[in-house]
Structure formats: C-alpha cells, structure tokens
Amino acid sequence: MQSVASCPKLSSLDPESIPVFSVVIAYEDFTTGKHARRACDFVVANLSRKWQVTSQMWKFEVLSIPELREMAASDAASAKLIIISSRGDRELPANVKEWIELWRGYQGGTVGL
C-alpha cells in the first residue's frame, strides 16, 4: 500500500511568506561531512513542508583562509542551525575556533549548535 502526503507546493505559496530555515555545516573530512549531511537531511525531512531550507557546507581546511572564514561566519551568523562535525579525537583546529568566535560575535539568529 502506498501512502501520499498532501502538502502545499512551495511554488503555490507567496515567496515572501515562506520562512527560511538555513543550516551551516562545518566538517573535518569527507566522512564527517557525510555524517553531518545525514543529520541535516533528517532535520529537513522532519520540518514542515512550509519551510524553505538552505544549507552551506564548509570544510575545516578552508576556514583557515581569512576571506572564506569571514564568509562562513556570515553564513553561520544568520543560520537557524549550525552543525560542527569532527572525529572528536582531538581539539578543534584554531581556525575553526576563530570561525566560531567570529559568528558568535555577529549575534545572528542561530538557535542550535
């Protein structure tokens, strides 16, 4: 038996009224990025269809480049959810900590870490 959920299509709603749920993922490597993406997909699958979901992924390595770290901090400051995915067997790299301090200083709309 097949079951079909009926939800209004985003295209049929007024674009101004569709709330945005933005997610930023910072990840250490391919494996941790994959795990973070799965977690993000789970959250998205359990959100109401009335949300427009956007996501940005930033690898730890690129956060060492000041211009990119600034861009990633701006993304994170306005995100509703931030996922930091690492192996957990050592401290976060200094550039990742700097990135965290940057976006925390922006006082964005973040509700999760």
Protein backbone atom coordinates (compact mmCIF):
# COMPACT_ATOMS: atom_id res chain seq x y z
CA MET A 1 0.00 0.00 0.00
CA GLN A 2 1.29 3.43 -0.91
CA SER A 3 0.70 6.50 1.16
CA VAL A 4 0.97 10.02 -0.19
CA ALA A 5 1.16 13.11 2.00
CA SER A 6 -0.57 16.18 0.72
CA CYS A 7 1.35 19.40 1.31
CA PRO A 8 1.08 22.76 -0.41
CA LYS A 9 3.76 23.20 -3.01
CA LEU A 10 6.27 25.91 -2.22
CA SER A 11 5.68 27.38 -5.65
CA SER A 12 2.00 27.91 -4.81
CA LEU A 13 2.81 29.93 -1.70
CA ASP A 14 3.69 33.60 -1.64
CA PRO A 15 7.53 33.65 -1.70
CA GLU A 16 7.53 36.45 0.85
CA SER A 17 5.64 34.29 3.36
CA ILE A 18 7.85 31.18 3.16
CA PRO A 19 10.13 31.10 6.21
CA VAL A 20 13.74 30.15 5.56
CA PHE A 21 15.47 27.52 7.67
CA SER A 22 19.17 27.89 6.98
CA VAL A 23 21.73 25.30 8.00
CA VAL A 24 25.51 25.70 8.10
CA ILE A 25 27.72 22.64 8.36
CA ALA A 26 31.42 22.77 9.23
CA TYR A 27 33.15 19.44 8.80
CA GLU A 28 36.58 17.94 9.21
CA ASP A 29 36.76 15.50 6.29
CA PHE A 30 34.66 13.53 3.82
CA THR A 31 33.36 11.05 6.40
CA THR A 32 32.39 13.68 8.98
CA GLY A 33 30.82 15.77 6.21
CA LYS A 34 28.74 12.80 5.15
CA HIS A 35 27.54 12.22 8.72
CA ALA A 36 26.66 15.90 9.12
CA ARG A 37 24.77 15.91 5.82
CA ARG A 38 22.73 12.90 7.01
CA ALA A 39 21.89 14.72 10.24
CA CYS A 40 20.85 17.77 8.25
CA ASP A 41 18.72 15.65 5.92
CA PHE A 42 16.99 14.12 8.96
CA VAL A 43 16.13 17.56 10.33
CA VAL A 44 14.88 18.71 6.93
CA ALA A 45 12.75 15.59 6.50
CA ASN A 46 11.05 16.34 9.81
CA LEU A 47 10.36 20.01 9.14
CA SER A 48 7.06 21.23 7.86
CA ARG A 49 6.93 21.49 4.08
CA LYS A 50 6.24 25.18 4.53
CA TRP A 51 9.92 25.88 5.19
CA GLN A 52 12.41 26.75 2.51
CA VAL A 53 15.64 25.03 3.57
CA THR A 54 19.05 26.29 2.54
CA SER A 55 22.40 24.85 3.52
CA GLN A 56 26.07 25.71 3.27
CA MET A 57 28.95 23.31 3.90
CA TRP A 58 32.41 24.48 4.95
CA LYS A 59 35.38 22.18 5.30
CA PHE A 60 37.67 22.93 8.25
CA GLU A 61 40.61 23.44 5.85
CA VAL A 62 39.01 26.36 4.03
CA LEU A 63 38.26 28.11 7.31
CA SER A 64 42.00 28.82 7.54
CA ILE A 65 41.64 31.30 4.64
CA PRO A 66 40.59 34.63 6.24
CA GLU A 67 38.26 35.72 3.42
CA LEU A 68 36.47 32.36 3.36
CA ARG A 69 36.34 32.18 7.16
CA GLU A 70 34.61 35.58 7.13
CA MET A 71 32.09 34.37 4.53
CA ALA A 72 31.43 31.22 6.54
CA ALA A 73 31.00 33.29 9.72
CA SER A 74 28.44 35.47 7.97
CA ASP A 75 26.55 32.35 6.84
CA ALA A 76 26.64 30.92 10.37
CA ALA A 77 25.51 34.16 12.00
CA SER A 78 22.27 34.09 10.04
CA ALA A 79 21.73 30.30 10.24
CA LYS A 80 18.98 28.66 12.24
CA LEU A 81 21.08 25.54 12.78
CA ILE A 82 24.85 25.04 12.84
CA ILE A 83 26.33 21.56 12.73
CA ILE A 84 30.02 21.10 13.53
CA SER A 85 31.18 17.61 12.63
CA SER A 86 34.59 16.30 13.65
CA ARG A 87 36.13 12.99 14.54
CA GLY A 88 36.29 14.07 18.18
CA ASP A 89 39.70 12.57 18.86
CA ARG A 90 41.42 15.95 19.26
CA GLU A 91 40.66 19.59 19.90
CA LEU A 92 39.09 21.68 17.16
CA PRO A 93 41.70 23.44 14.99
CA ALA A 94 42.47 27.08 15.83
CA ASN A 95 40.92 28.31 12.57
CA VAL A 96 37.62 26.60 13.43
CA LYS A 97 37.63 28.17 16.90
CA GLU A 98 38.31 31.56 15.30
CA TRP A 99 35.37 30.98 12.95
CA ILE A 100 33.10 30.16 15.90
CA GLU A 101 34.16 33.33 17.72
CA LEU A 102 33.52 35.38 14.57
CA TRP A 103 29.94 34.26 14.07
CA ARG A 104 29.15 34.35 17.76
CA GLY A 105 30.20 38.00 17.69
CA TYR A 106 27.67 38.75 14.96
CA GLN A 107 24.73 37.93 17.27
CA GLY A 108 22.84 36.21 14.45
CA GLY A 109 19.63 34.25 14.62
CA THR A 110 21.24 30.91 15.46
CA VAL A 111 19.14 28.57 17.60
CA GLY A 112 21.31 25.47 17.63
CA LEU A 113 24.87 24.20 17.66
